[in-house]
Amino acid sequence: MTATDRALELARAAAGAAADKLATTIAGIDVSEQLALTDVFVIVSAESERQVGSIVDEVEDVMRDMGSKPVRREGQREGRWVLIDFVDIVVHVQHDEERKFYELERLWKDCPAVDLGVVGTEQGGR
């Protein structure tokens, strides 16, 4: 099974929102074969806590306009790694240091990359 068309549409919209707020890197991973809970991880990084917050706000606004509200958000207070669960996709917005330390793309390297259609994105971060 691969990611649904709706999940891919949301992932591309989230990536576009992150790019609009000057995310450092953006990657998409199709985790639909490995996880029953979601189809796509969108992994975004930023240089500062303030920028992480700005990206989170923009992603949520864009998703809301598309009729998708987050069912869960974690890490907002610290501003170093915010996870936003939209069911079809999960968006990870990380400070650059957390991204380098945790290397989510490496942990999910067996899953296919998703072309998010945003200039400057990494294909699955690999």
PDB file of N, CA and C in Angstrom:
ATOM      1  N   MET A   1       0.838  -1.178   0.000  1.00  0.00           N
ATOM      2  CA  MET A   1       0.000   0.000   0.000  1.00  0.00           C
ATOM      3  C   MET A   1       0.885   1.243   0.000  1.00  0.00           C
ATOM      4  N   THR A   2       0.480   2.258  -0.729  1.00  0.00           N
ATOM      5  CA  THR A   2       1.216   3.514  -0.738  1.00  0.00           C
ATOM      6  C   THR A   2       0.348   4.616  -0.159  1.00  0.00           C
ATOM      7  N   ALA A   3       0.960   5.757   0.050  1.00  0.00           N
ATOM      8  CA  ALA A   3       0.236   6.895   0.613  1.00  0.00           C
ATOM      9  C   ALA A   3      -0.949   7.262  -0.275  1.00  0.00           C
ATOM     10  N   THR A   4      -2.032   7.668   0.358  1.00  0.00           N
ATOM     11  CA  THR A   4      -3.231   8.066  -0.387  1.00  0.00           C
ATOM     12  C   THR A   4      -2.997   9.389  -1.105  1.00  0.00           C
ATOM     13  N   ASP A   5      -3.819   9.654  -2.106  1.00  0.00           N
ATOM     14  CA  ASP A   5      -3.736  10.929  -2.822  1.00  0.00           C
ATOM     15  C   ASP A   5      -3.955  12.099  -1.868  1.00  0.00           C
ATOM     16  N   ARG A   6      -4.879  11.934  -0.931  1.00  0.00           N
ATOM     17  CA  ARG A   6      -5.161  13.005   0.042  1.00  0.00           C
ATOM     18  C   ARG A   6      -3.938  13.261   0.923  1.00  0.00           C
ATOM     19  N   ALA A   7      -3.284  12.206   1.369  1.00  0.00           N
ATOM     20  CA  ALA A   7      -2.088  12.372   2.196  1.00  0.00           C
ATOM     21  C   ALA A   7      -0.988  13.094   1.415  1.00  0.00           C
ATOM     22  N   LEU A   8      -0.814  12.732   0.156  1.00  0.00           N
ATOM     23  CA  LEU A   8       0.201  13.387  -0.664  1.00  0.00           C
ATOM     24  C   LEU A   8      -0.143  14.858  -0.894  1.00  0.00           C
ATOM     25  N   GLU A   9      -1.421  15.138  -1.098  1.00  0.00           N
ATOM     26  CA  GLU A   9      -1.859  16.524  -1.280  1.00  0.00           C
ATOM     27  C   GLU A   9      -1.567  17.343  -0.020  1.00  0.00           C
ATOM     28  N   LEU A  10      -1.894  16.790   1.140  1.00  0.00           N
ATOM     29  CA  LEU A  10      -1.634  17.486   2.401  1.00  0.00           C
ATOM     30  C   LEU A  10      -0.141  17.655   2.645  1.00  0.00           C
ATOM     31  N   ALA A  11       0.635  16.619   2.357  1.00  0.00           N
ATOM     32  CA  ALA A  11       2.086  16.685   2.569  1.00  0.00           C
ATOM     33  C   ALA A  11       2.704  17.778   1.704  1.00  0.00           C
ATOM     34  N   ARG A  12       2.277  17.869   0.464  1.00  0.00           N
ATOM     35  CA  ARG A  12       2.813  18.911  -0.434  1.00  0.00           C
ATOM     36  C   ARG A  12       2.405  20.305   0.041  1.00  0.00           C
ATOM     37  N   ALA A  13       1.192  20.426   0.545  1.00  0.00           N
ATOM     38  CA  ALA A  13       0.730  21.716   1.062  1.00  0.00           C
ATOM     39  C   ALA A  13       1.520  22.102   2.317  1.00  0.00           C
ATOM     40  N   ALA A  14       1.764  21.136   3.192  1.00  0.00           N
ATOM     41  CA  ALA A  14       2.555  21.407   4.403  1.00  0.00           C
ATOM     42  C   ALA A  14       3.976  21.810   4.035  1.00  0.00           C
ATOM     43  N   ALA A  15       4.550  21.125   3.055  1.00  0.00           N
ATOM     44  CA  ALA A  15       5.904  21.459   2.598  1.00  0.00           C
ATOM     45  C   ALA A  15       5.934  22.865   2.009  1.00  0.00           C
ATOM     46  N   GLY A  16       4.920  23.220   1.242  1.00  0.00           N
ATOM     47  CA  GLY A  16       4.841  24.560   0.681  1.00  0.00           C
ATOM     48  C   GLY A  16       4.744  25.626   1.759  1.00  0.00           C
ATOM     49  N   ALA A  17       3.958  25.340   2.791  1.00  0.00           N
ATOM     50  CA  ALA A  17       3.821  26.282   3.908  1.00  0.00           C
ATOM     51  C   ALA A  17       5.161  26.455   4.625  1.00  0.00           C
ATOM     52  N   ALA A  18       5.870  25.353   4.829  1.00  0.00           N
ATOM     53  CA  ALA A  18       7.179  25.418   5.485  1.00  0.00           C
ATOM     54  C   ALA A  18       8.182  26.188   4.633  1.00  0.00           C
ATOM     55  N   ALA A  19       8.137  25.954   3.335  1.00  0.00           N
ATOM     56  CA  ALA A  19       9.042  26.663   2.426  1.00  0.00           C
ATOM     57  C   ALA A  19       8.752  28.160   2.443  1.00  0.00           C
ATOM     58  N   ASP A  20       7.483  28.527   2.526  1.00  0.00           N
ATOM     59  CA  ASP A  20       7.112  29.944   2.584  1.00  0.00           C
ATOM     60  C   ASP A  20       7.702  30.633   3.811  1.00  0.00           C
ATOM     61  N   LYS A  21       7.905  29.878   4.868  1.00  0.00           N
ATOM     62  CA  LYS A  21       8.483  30.427   6.106  1.00  0.00           C
ATOM     63  C   LYS A  21       9.978  30.138   6.203  1.00  0.00           C
ATOM     64  N   LEU A  22      10.587  29.820   5.056  1.00  0.00           N
ATOM     65  CA  LEU A  22      12.043  29.664   4.926  1.00  0.00           C
ATOM     66  C   LEU A  22      12.633  28.531   5.761  1.00  0.00           C
ATOM     67  N   ALA A  23      11.967  27.391   5.731  1.00  0.00           N
ATOM     68  CA  ALA A  23      12.507  26.204   6.410  1.00  0.00           C
ATOM     69  C   ALA A  23      13.886  25.882   5.837  1.00  0.00           C
ATOM     70  N   THR A  24      14.762  25.392   6.686  1.00  0.00           N
ATOM     71  CA  THR A  24      16.117  25.046   6.262  1.00  0.00           C
ATOM     72  C   THR A  24      16.100  23.852   5.321  1.00  0.00           C
ATOM     73  N   THR A  25      15.422  22.782   5.730  1.00  0.00           N
ATOM     74  CA  THR A  25      15.289  21.589   4.900  1.00  0.00           C
ATOM     75  C   THR A  25      13.879  21.034   5.058  1.00  0.00           C
ATOM     76  N   ILE A  26      13.436  20.336   4.017  1.00  0.00           N
ATOM     77  CA  ILE A  26      12.104  19.736   4.019  1.00  0.00           C
ATOM     78  C   ILE A  26      12.219  18.376   3.344  1.00  0.00           C
ATOM     79  N   ALA A  27      11.697  17.340   4.000  1.00  0.00           N
ATOM     80  CA  ALA A  27      11.753  15.995   3.430  1.00  0.00           C
ATOM     81  C   ALA A  27      10.415  15.304   3.651  1.00  0.00           C
ATOM     82  N   GLY A  28      10.062  14.419   2.745  1.00  0.00           N
ATOM     83  CA  GLY A  28       8.847  13.630   2.874  1.00  0.00           C
ATOM     84  C   GLY A  28       9.164  12.150   2.800  1.00  0.00           C
ATOM     85  N   ILE A  29       8.534  11.375   3.674  1.00  0.00           N
ATOM     86  CA  ILE A  29       8.751   9.935   3.711  1.00  0.00           C
ATOM     87  C   ILE A  29       7.399   9.230   3.742  1.00  0.00           C
ATOM     88  N   ASP A  30       7.205   8.285   2.827  1.00  0.00           N
ATOM     89  CA  ASP A  30       5.982   7.483   2.778  1.00  0.00           C
ATOM     90  C   ASP A  30       6.136   6.334   3.776  1.00  0.00           C
ATOM     91  N   VAL A  31       5.442   6.440   4.903  1.00  0.00           N
ATOM     92  CA  VAL A  31       5.537   5.429   5.964  1.00  0.00           C
ATOM     93  C   VAL A  31       4.296   4.535   5.998  1.00  0.00           C
ATOM     94  N   SER A  32       3.471   4.600   4.954  1.00  0.00           N
ATOM     95  CA  SER A  32       2.194   3.885   4.947  1.00  0.00           C
ATOM     96  C   SER A  32       2.341   2.376   5.059  1.00  0.00           C
ATOM     97  N   GLU A  33       3.433   1.821   4.566  1.00  0.00           N
ATOM     98  CA  GLU A  33       3.631   0.368   4.655  1.00  0.00           C
ATOM     99  C   GLU A  33       4.097  -0.060   6.047  1.00  0.00           C
ATOM    100  N   GLN A  34       4.690   0.869   6.778  1.00  0.00           N
ATOM    101  CA  GLN A  34       5.254   0.547   8.093  1.00  0.00           C
ATOM    102  C   GLN A  34       4.343   0.915   9.258  1.00  0.00           C
ATOM    103  N   LEU A  35       3.507   1.931   9.062  1.00  0.00           N
ATOM    104  CA  LEU A  35       2.647   2.415  10.142  1.00  0.00           C
ATOM    105  C   LEU A  35       1.190   2.406   9.714  1.00  0.00           C
ATOM    106  N   ALA A  36       0.331   1.952  10.588  1.00  0.00           N
ATOM    107  CA  ALA A  36      -1.102   1.975  10.296  1.00  0.00           C
ATOM    108  C   ALA A  36      -1.722   3.323  10.668  1.00  0.00           C
ATOM    109  N   LEU A  37      -0.987   4.137  11.409  1.00  0.00           N
ATOM    110  CA  LEU A  37      -1.535   5.376  11.940  1.00  0.00           C
ATOM    111  C   LEU A  37      -1.496   6.560  10.985  1.00  0.00           C
ATOM    112  N   THR A  38      -0.571   6.567  10.038  1.00  0.00           N
ATOM    113  CA  THR A  38      -0.418   7.701   9.128  1.00  0.00           C
ATOM    114  C   THR A  38       0.228   7.232   7.833  1.00  0.00           C
ATOM    115  N   ASP A  39       0.184   8.080   6.818  1.00  0.00           N
ATOM    116  CA  ASP A  39       0.756   7.724   5.522  1.00  0.00           C
ATOM    117  C   ASP A  39       2.107   8.386   5.243  1.00  0.00           C
ATOM    118  N   VAL A  40       2.232   9.656   5.628  1.00  0.00           N
ATOM    119  CA  VAL A  40       3.431  10.414   5.260  1.00  0.00           C
ATOM    120  C   VAL A  40       3.967  11.186   6.453  1.00  0.00           C
ATOM    121  N   PHE A  41       5.289  11.147   6.613  1.00  0.00           N
ATOM    122  CA  PHE A  41       5.983  12.045   7.527  1.00  0.00           C
ATOM    123  C   PHE A  41       6.527  13.197   6.688  1.00  0.00           C
ATOM    124  N   VAL A  42       6.269  14.408   7.118  1.00  0.00           N
ATOM    125  CA  VAL A  42       6.910  15.585   6.545  1.00  0.00           C
ATOM    126  C   VAL A  42       7.862  16.079   7.616  1.00  0.00           C
ATOM    127  N   ILE A  43       9.152  16.118   7.292  1.00  0.00           N
ATOM    128  CA  ILE A  43      10.173  16.499   8.262  1.00  0.00           C
ATOM    129  C   ILE A  43      10.788  17.815   7.808  1.00  0.00           C
ATOM    130  N   VAL A  44      10.682  18.801   8.678  1.00  0.00           N
ATOM    131  CA  VAL A  44      11.097  20.157   8.364  1.00  0.00           C
ATOM    132  C   VAL A  44      12.056  20.625   9.445  1.00  0.00           C
ATOM    133  N   SER A  45      13.057  21.426   9.055  1.00  0.00           N
ATOM    134  CA  SER A  45      13.919  22.001  10.075  1.00  0.00           C
ATOM    135  C   SER A  45      14.040  23.501   9.891  1.00  0.00           C
ATOM    136  N   ALA A  46      14.428  24.168  10.975  1.00  0.00           N
ATOM    137  CA  ALA A  46      14.571  25.617  11.006  1.00  0.00           C
ATOM    138  C   ALA A  46      15.756  25.987  11.894  1.00  0.00           C
ATOM    139  N   GLU A  47      16.254  27.196  11.695  1.00  0.00           N
ATOM    140  CA  GLU A  47      17.458  27.635  12.404  1.00  0.00           C
ATOM    141  C   GLU A  47      17.219  28.070  13.845  1.00  0.00           C
ATOM    142  N   SER A  48      15.993  28.462  14.208  1.00  0.00           N
ATOM    143  CA  SER A  48      15.745  28.980  15.555  1.00  0.00           C
ATOM    144  C   SER A  48      14.390  28.511  16.068  1.00  0.00           C
ATOM    145  N   GLU A  49      14.212  28.637  17.382  1.00  0.00           N
ATOM    146  CA  GLU A  49      12.942  28.267  17.997  1.00  0.00           C
ATOM    147  C   GLU A  49      11.812  29.148  17.459  1.00  0.00           C
ATOM    148  N   ARG A  50      12.121  30.421  17.252  1.00  0.00           N
ATOM    149  CA  ARG A  50      11.114  31.346  16.736  1.00  0.00           C
ATOM    150  C   ARG A  50      10.661  30.921  15.334  1.00  0.00           C
ATOM    151  N   GLN A  51      11.602  30.509  14.514  1.00  0.00           N
ATOM    152  CA  GLN A  51      11.259  30.072  13.153  1.00  0.00           C
ATOM    153  C   GLN A  51      10.472  28.765  13.193  1.00  0.00           C
ATOM    154  N   VAL A  52      10.826  27.867  14.111  1.00  0.00           N
ATOM    155  CA  VAL A  52      10.038  26.634  14.284  1.00  0.00           C
ATOM    156  C   VAL A  52       8.579  26.998  14.553  1.00  0.00           C
ATOM    157  N   GLY A  53       8.357  27.937  15.462  1.00  0.00           N
ATOM    158  CA  GLY A  53       6.997  28.362  15.785  1.00  0.00           C
ATOM    159  C   GLY A  53       6.277  28.976  14.605  1.00  0.00           C
ATOM    160  N   SER A  54       6.986  29.771  13.826  1.00  0.00           N
ATOM    161  CA  SER A  54       6.405  30.401  12.645  1.00  0.00           C
ATOM    162  C   SER A  54       5.985  29.356  11.612  1.00  0.00           C
ATOM    163  N   ILE A  55       6.830  28.357  11.415  1.00  0.00           N
ATOM    164  CA  ILE A  55       6.508  27.275  10.466  1.00  0.00           C
ATOM    165  C   ILE A  55       5.299  26.486  10.952  1.00  0.00           C
ATOM    166  N   VAL A  56       5.265  26.167  12.240  1.00  0.00           N
ATOM    167  CA  VAL A  56       4.136  25.425  12.810  1.00  0.00           C
ATOM    168  C   VAL A  56       2.834  26.190  12.571  1.00  0.00           C
ATOM    169  N   ASP A  57       2.842  27.487  12.855  1.00  0.00           N
ATOM    170  CA  ASP A  57       1.636  28.298  12.664  1.00  0.00           C
ATOM    171  C   ASP A  57       1.181  28.291  11.206  1.00  0.00           C
ATOM    172  N   GLU A  58       2.129  28.454  10.284  1.00  0.00           N
ATOM    173  CA  GLU A  58       1.786  28.488   8.857  1.00  0.00           C
ATOM    174  C   GLU A  58       1.252  27.141   8.374  1.00  0.00           C
ATOM    175  N   VAL A  59       1.899  26.051   8.799  1.00  0.00           N
ATOM    176  CA  VAL A  59       1.432  24.718   8.404  1.00  0.00           C
ATOM    177  C   VAL A  59       0.006  24.496   8.905  1.00  0.00           C
ATOM    178  N   GLU A  60      -0.259  24.847  10.153  1.00  0.00           N
ATOM    179  CA  GLU A  60      -1.602  24.657  10.703  1.00  0.00           C
ATOM    180  C   GLU A  60      -2.631  25.502   9.966  1.00  0.00           C
ATOM    181  N   ASP A  61      -2.279  26.739   9.608  1.00  0.00           N
ATOM    182  CA  ASP A  61      -3.210  27.598   8.867  1.00  0.00           C
ATOM    183  C   ASP A  61      -3.543  27.003   7.499  1.00  0.00           C
ATOM    184  N   VAL A  62      -2.518  26.540   6.793  1.00  0.00           N
ATOM    185  CA  VAL A  62      -2.723  25.955   5.464  1.00  0.00           C
ATOM    186  C   VAL A  62      -3.551  24.671   5.567  1.00  0.00           C
ATOM    187  N   MET A  63      -3.248  23.843   6.542  1.00  0.00           N
ATOM    188  CA  MET A  63      -3.996  22.588   6.709  1.00  0.00           C
ATOM    189  C   MET A  63      -5.457  22.875   7.062  1.00  0.00           C
ATOM    190  N   ARG A  64      -5.677  23.861   7.910  1.00  0.00           N
ATOM    191  CA  ARG A  64      -7.050  24.228   8.290  1.00  0.00           C
ATOM    192  C   ARG A  64      -7.830  24.685   7.050  1.00  0.00           C
ATOM    193  N   ASP A  65      -7.173  25.474   6.184  1.00  0.00           N
ATOM    194  CA  ASP A  65      -7.824  25.916   4.944  1.00  0.00           C
ATOM    195  C   ASP A  65      -8.177  24.738   4.037  1.00  0.00           C
ATOM    196  N   MET A  66      -7.459  23.639   4.189  1.00  0.00           N
ATOM    197  CA  MET A  66      -7.719  22.437   3.382  1.00  0.00           C
ATOM    198  C   MET A  66      -8.683  21.478   4.086  1.00  0.00           C
ATOM    199  N   GLY A  67      -9.212  21.898   5.236  1.00  0.00           N
ATOM    200  CA  GLY A  67     -10.177  21.084   5.958  1.00  0.00           C
ATOM    201  C   GLY A  67      -9.565  20.027   6.853  1.00  0.00           C
ATOM    202  N   SER A  68      -8.299  20.196   7.216  1.00  0.00           N
ATOM    203  CA  SER A  68      -7.626  19.215   8.067  1.00  0.00           C
ATOM    204  C   SER A  68      -7.122  19.887   9.335  1.00  0.00           C
ATOM    205  N   LYS A  69      -7.662  19.458  10.471  1.00  0.00           N
ATOM    206  CA  LYS A  69      -7.245  20.011  11.755  1.00  0.00           C
ATOM    207  C   LYS A  69      -6.320  19.017  12.457  1.00  0.00           C
ATOM    208  N   PRO A  70      -5.368  19.527  13.232  1.00  0.00           N
ATOM    209  CA  PRO A  70      -4.500  18.598  13.965  1.00  0.00           C
ATOM    210  C   PRO A  70      -5.279  17.875  15.067  1.00  0.00           C
ATOM    211  N   VAL A  71      -5.019  16.574  15.187  1.00  0.00           N
ATOM    212  CA  VAL A  71      -5.638  15.813  16.275  1.00  0.00           C
ATOM    213  C   VAL A  71      -4.720  15.792  17.489  1.00  0.00           C
ATOM    214  N   ARG A  72      -3.447  16.128  17.261  1.00  0.00           N
ATOM    215  CA  ARG A  72      -2.486  16.152  18.365  1.00  0.00           C
ATOM    216  C   ARG A  72      -1.317  17.052  17.981  1.00  0.00           C
ATOM    217  N   ARG A  73      -0.815  17.770  18.980  1.00  0.00           N
ATOM    218  CA  ARG A  73       0.378  18.590  18.800  1.00  0.00           C
ATOM    219  C   ARG A  73       1.230  18.422  20.057  1.00  0.00           C
ATOM    220  N   GLU A  74       2.497  18.181  19.853  1.00  0.00           N
ATOM    221  CA  GLU A  74       3.405  18.001  20.987  1.00  0.00           C
ATOM    222  C   GLU A  74       4.662  18.827  20.783  1.00  0.00           C
ATOM    223  N   GLY A  75       5.227  19.342  21.887  1.00  0.00           N
ATOM    224  CA  GLY A  75       6.505  20.031  21.849  1.00  0.00           C
ATOM    225  C   GLY A  75       6.445  21.515  21.588  1.00  0.00           C
ATOM    226  N   GLN A  76       5.261  22.090  21.514  1.00  0.00           N
ATOM    227  CA  GLN A  76       5.111  23.509  21.177  1.00  0.00           C
ATOM    228  C   GLN A  76       5.840  24.417  22.175  1.00  0.00           C
ATOM    229  N   ARG A  77       5.785  24.094  23.444  1.00  0.00           N
ATOM    230  CA  ARG A  77       6.344  24.966  24.473  1.00  0.00           C
ATOM    231  C   ARG A  77       7.853  25.137  24.332  1.00  0.00           C
ATOM    232  N   GLU A  78       8.564  24.052  24.058  1.00  0.00           N
ATOM    233  CA  GLU A  78      10.016  24.121  23.966  1.00  0.00           C
ATOM    234  C   GLU A  78      10.471  24.741  22.652  1.00  0.00           C
ATOM    235  N   GLY A  79       9.733  24.530  21.587  1.00  0.00           N
ATOM    236  CA  GLY A  79      10.054  25.112  20.294  1.00  0.00           C
ATOM    237  C   GLY A  79      11.265  24.501  19.616  1.00  0.00           C
ATOM    238  N   ARG A  80      11.659  23.313  20.042  1.00  0.00           N
ATOM    239  CA  ARG A  80      12.813  22.652  19.443  1.00  0.00           C
ATOM    240  C   ARG A  80      12.390  21.539  18.487  1.00  0.00           C
ATOM    241  N   TRP A  81      11.272  20.900  18.799  1.00  0.00           N
ATOM    242  CA  TRP A  81      10.738  19.840  17.946  1.00  0.00           C
ATOM    243  C   TRP A  81       9.235  19.777  18.190  1.00  0.00           C
ATOM    244  N   VAL A  82       8.481  20.187  17.199  1.00  0.00           N
ATOM    245  CA  VAL A  82       7.030  20.170  17.319  1.00  0.00           C
ATOM    246  C   VAL A  82       6.500  19.106  16.368  1.00  0.00           C
ATOM    247  N   LEU A  83       5.693  18.216  16.898  1.00  0.00           N
ATOM    248  CA  LEU A  83       5.050  17.173  16.109  1.00  0.00           C
ATOM    249  C   LEU A  83       3.583  17.551  15.978  1.00  0.00           C
ATOM    250  N   ILE A  84       3.096  17.592  14.736  1.00  0.00           N
ATOM    251  CA  ILE A  84       1.692  17.906  14.491  1.00  0.00           C
ATOM    252  C   ILE A  84       1.082  16.727  13.728  1.00  0.00           C
ATOM    253  N   ASP A  85       0.093  16.097  14.332  1.00  0.00           N
ATOM    254  CA  ASP A  85      -0.552  14.923  13.744  1.00  0.00           C
ATOM    255  C   ASP A  85      -1.860  15.333  13.083  1.00  0.00           C
ATOM    256  N   PHE A  86      -1.908  15.189  11.750  1.00  0.00           N
ATOM    257  CA  PHE A  86      -3.110  15.483  10.979  1.00  0.00           C
ATOM    258  C   PHE A  86      -3.784  14.194  10.503  1.00  0.00           C
ATOM    259  N   VAL A  87      -3.481  13.069  11.103  1.00  0.00           N
ATOM    260  CA  VAL A  87      -3.966  11.731  10.793  1.00  0.00           C
ATOM    261  C   VAL A  87      -3.355  11.212   9.492  1.00  0.00           C
ATOM    262  N   ASP A  88      -3.672  11.823   8.355  1.00  0.00           N
ATOM    263  CA  ASP A  88      -3.115  11.363   7.074  1.00  0.00           C
ATOM    264  C   ASP A  88      -1.616  11.621   6.983  1.00  0.00           C
ATOM    265  N   ILE A  89      -1.173  12.701   7.610  1.00  0.00           N
ATOM    266  CA  ILE A  89       0.250  13.026   7.641  1.00  0.00           C
ATOM    267  C   ILE A  89       0.636  13.447   9.052  1.00  0.00           C
ATOM    268  N   VAL A  90       1.907  13.296   9.350  1.00  0.00           N
ATOM    269  CA  VAL A  90       2.470  13.816  10.595  1.00  0.00           C
ATOM    270  C   VAL A  90       3.606  14.741  10.194  1.00  0.00           C
ATOM    271  N   VAL A  91       3.546  15.973  10.685  1.00  0.00           N
ATOM    272  CA  VAL A  91       4.564  16.964  10.372  1.00  0.00           C
ATOM    273  C   VAL A  91       5.474  17.115  11.584  1.00  0.00           C
ATOM    274  N   HIS A  92       6.782  16.932  11.350  1.00  0.00           N
ATOM    275  CA  HIS A  92       7.798  17.140  12.379  1.00  0.00           C
ATOM    276  C   HIS A  92       8.518  18.432  12.027  1.00  0.00           C
ATOM    277  N   VAL A  93       8.434  19.424  12.884  1.00  0.00           N
ATOM    278  CA  VAL A  93       9.171  20.669  12.671  1.00  0.00           C
ATOM    279  C   VAL A  93      10.242  20.719  13.748  1.00  0.00           C
ATOM    280  N   GLN A  94      11.484  20.625  13.316  1.00  0.00           N
ATOM    281  CA  GLN A  94      12.602  20.510  14.248  1.00  0.00           C
ATOM    282  C   GLN A  94      13.583  21.669  14.093  1.00  0.00           C
ATOM    283  N   HIS A  95      14.212  22.008  15.203  1.00  0.00           N
ATOM    284  CA  HIS A  95      15.359  22.903  15.155  1.00  0.00           C
ATOM    285  C   HIS A  95      16.460  22.137  14.419  1.00  0.00           C
ATOM    286  N   ASP A  96      17.310  22.837  13.677  1.00  0.00           N
ATOM    287  CA  ASP A  96      18.368  22.172  12.906  1.00  0.00           C
ATOM    288  C   ASP A  96      19.204  21.212  13.757  1.00  0.00           C
ATOM    289  N   GLU A  97      19.497  21.595  14.998  1.00  0.00           N
ATOM    290  CA  GLU A  97      20.310  20.736  15.865  1.00  0.00           C
ATOM    291  C   GLU A  97      19.604  19.428  16.193  1.00  0.00           C
ATOM    292  N   GLU A  98      18.298  19.482  16.457  1.00  0.00           N
ATOM    293  CA  GLU A  98      17.530  18.259  16.736  1.00  0.00           C
ATOM    294  C   GLU A  98      17.461  17.376  15.500  1.00  0.00           C
ATOM    295  N   ARG A  99      17.306  18.000  14.367  1.00  0.00           N
ATOM    296  CA  ARG A  99      17.243  17.214  13.124  1.00  0.00           C
ATOM    297  C   ARG A  99      18.536  16.437  12.914  1.00  0.00           C
ATOM    298  N   LYS A 100      19.659  17.094  13.124  1.00  0.00           N
ATOM    299  CA  LYS A 100      20.952  16.424  12.954  1.00  0.00           C
ATOM    300  C   LYS A 100      21.148  15.327  13.992  1.00  0.00           C
ATOM    301  N   PHE A 101      20.707  15.582  15.220  1.00  0.00           N
ATOM    302  CA  PHE A 101      20.905  14.608  16.298  1.00  0.00           C
ATOM    303  C   PHE A 101      20.025  13.373  16.130  1.00  0.00           C
ATOM    304  N   TYR A 102      18.744  13.574  15.852  1.00  0.00           N
ATOM    305  CA  TYR A 102      17.802  12.449  15.802  1.00  0.00           C
ATOM    306  C   TYR A 102      17.755  11.745  14.448  1.00  0.00           C
ATOM    307  N   GLU A 103      18.096  12.421  13.374  1.00  0.00           N
ATOM    308  CA  GLU A 103      18.175  11.832  12.037  1.00  0.00           C
ATOM    309  C   GLU A 103      16.973  10.934  11.708  1.00  0.00           C
ATOM    310  N   LEU A 104      15.783  11.500  11.764  1.00  0.00           N
ATOM    311  CA  LEU A 104      14.578  10.716  11.475  1.00  0.00           C
ATOM    312  C   LEU A 104      14.619  10.061  10.106  1.00  0.00           C
ATOM    313  N   GLU A 105      15.203  10.747   9.131  1.00  0.00           N
ATOM    314  CA  GLU A 105      15.281  10.174   7.788  1.00  0.00           C
ATOM    315  C   GLU A 105      16.079   8.876   7.791  1.00  0.00           C
ATOM    316  N   ARG A 106      17.126   8.819   8.603  1.00  0.00           N
ATOM    317  CA  ARG A 106      17.931   7.600   8.699  1.00  0.00           C
ATOM    318  C   ARG A 106      17.129   6.485   9.357  1.00  0.00           C
ATOM    319  N   LEU A 107      16.354   6.820  10.366  1.00  0.00           N
ATOM    320  CA  LEU A 107      15.539   5.813  11.051  1.00  0.00           C
ATOM    321  C   LEU A 107      14.494   5.194  10.120  1.00  0.00           C
ATOM    322  N   TRP A 108      14.019   5.969   9.156  1.00  0.00           N
ATOM    323  CA  TRP A 108      12.979   5.520   8.230  1.00  0.00           C
ATOM    324  C   TRP A 108      13.549   5.304   6.833  1.00  0.00           C
ATOM    325  N   LYS A 109      14.834   5.009   6.717  1.00  0.00           N
ATOM    326  CA  LYS A 109      15.510   4.907   5.420  1.00  0.00           C
ATOM    327  C   LYS A 109      14.959   3.808   4.515  1.00  0.00           C
ATOM    328  N   ASP A 110      14.281   2.823   5.082  1.00  0.00           N
ATOM    329  CA  ASP A 110      13.706   1.749   4.268  1.00  0.00           C
ATOM    330  C   ASP A 110      12.392   2.154   3.607  1.00  0.00           C
ATOM    331  N   CYS A 111      11.870   3.299   3.970  1.00  0.00           N
ATOM    332  CA  CYS A 111      10.618   3.786   3.392  1.00  0.00           C
ATOM    333  C   CYS A 111      10.921   4.703   2.206  1.00  0.00           C
ATOM    334  N   PRO A 112      10.047   4.687   1.206  1.00  0.00           N
ATOM    335  CA  PRO A 112      10.292   5.530   0.027  1.00  0.00           C
ATOM    336  C   PRO A 112      10.151   7.023   0.325  1.00  0.00           C
ATOM    337  N   ALA A 113      10.959   7.806  -0.369  1.00  0.00           N
ATOM    338  CA  ALA A 113      10.873   9.259  -0.271  1.00  0.00           C
ATOM    339  C   ALA A 113       9.653   9.739  -1.043  1.00  0.00           C
ATOM    340  N   VAL A 114       9.140  10.879  -0.648  1.00  0.00           N
ATOM    341  CA  VAL A 114       8.005  11.505  -1.312  1.00  0.00           C
ATOM    342  C   VAL A 114       8.491  12.813  -1.922  1.00  0.00           C
ATOM    343  N   ASP A 115       8.217  13.003  -3.205  1.00  0.00           N
ATOM    344  CA  ASP A 115       8.543  14.272  -3.855  1.00  0.00           C
ATOM    345  C   ASP A 115       7.483  15.281  -3.425  1.00  0.00           C
ATOM    346  N   LEU A 116       7.920  16.269  -2.659  1.00  0.00           N
ATOM    347  CA  LEU A 116       6.983  17.253  -2.127  1.00  0.00           C
ATOM    348  C   LEU A 116       6.786  18.453  -3.048  1.00  0.00           C
ATOM    349  N   GLY A 117       7.541  18.467  -4.140  1.00  0.00           N
ATOM    350  CA  GLY A 117       7.343  19.527  -5.120  1.00  0.00           C
ATOM    351  C   GLY A 117       7.774  20.899  -4.675  1.00  0.00           C
ATOM    352  N   VAL A 118       8.643  20.972  -3.689  1.00  0.00           N
ATOM    353  CA  VAL A 118       9.105  22.257  -3.179  1.00  0.00           C
ATOM    354  C   VAL A 118      10.589  22.398  -3.490  1.00  0.00           C
ATOM    355  N   VAL A 119      10.964  23.508  -4.070  1.00  0.00           N
ATOM    356  CA  VAL A 119      12.363  23.753  -4.419  1.00  0.00           C
ATOM    357  C   VAL A 119      13.207  23.749  -3.149  1.00  0.00           C
ATOM    358  N   GLY A 120      14.333  23.057  -3.217  1.00  0.00           N
ATOM    359  CA  GLY A 120      15.248  23.031  -2.088  1.00  0.00           C
ATOM    360  C   GLY A 120      14.973  21.928  -1.077  1.00  0.00           C
ATOM    361  N   THR A 121      14.004  21.064  -1.364  1.00  0.00           N
ATOM    362  CA  THR A 121      13.734  19.990  -0.416  1.00  0.00           C
ATOM    363  C   THR A 121      14.650  18.818  -0.712  1.00  0.00           C
ATOM    364  N   GLU A 122      14.829  18.021   0.317  1.00  0.00           N
ATOM    365  CA  GLU A 122      15.611  16.794   0.170  1.00  0.00           C
ATOM    366  C   GLU A 122      14.648  15.657  -0.079  1.00  0.00           C
ATOM    367  N   GLN A 123      14.984  14.765  -0.957  1.00  0.00           N
ATOM    368  CA  GLN A 123      14.167  13.591  -1.207  1.00  0.00           C
ATOM    369  C   GLN A 123      14.374  12.605  -0.070  1.00  0.00           C
ATOM    370  N   GLY A 124      13.490  12.671   0.913  1.00  0.00           N
ATOM    371  CA  GLY A 124      13.597  11.779   2.061  1.00  0.00           C
ATOM    372  C   GLY A 124      14.804  12.099   2.913  1.00  0.00           C
ATOM    373  N   GLY A 125      15.470  13.218   2.653  1.00  0.00           N
ATOM    374  CA  GLY A 125      16.613  13.609   3.452  1.00  0.00           C
ATOM    375  C   GLY A 125      17.834  12.768   3.173  1.00  0.00           C
ATOM    376  N   ARG A 126      17.793  12.004   2.060  1.00  0.00           N
ATOM    377  CA  ARG A 126      18.913  11.100   1.807  1.00  0.00           C
ATOM    378  C   ARG A 126      19.734  11.528   0.646  1.00  0.00           C
TER     379      ARG A 126
END
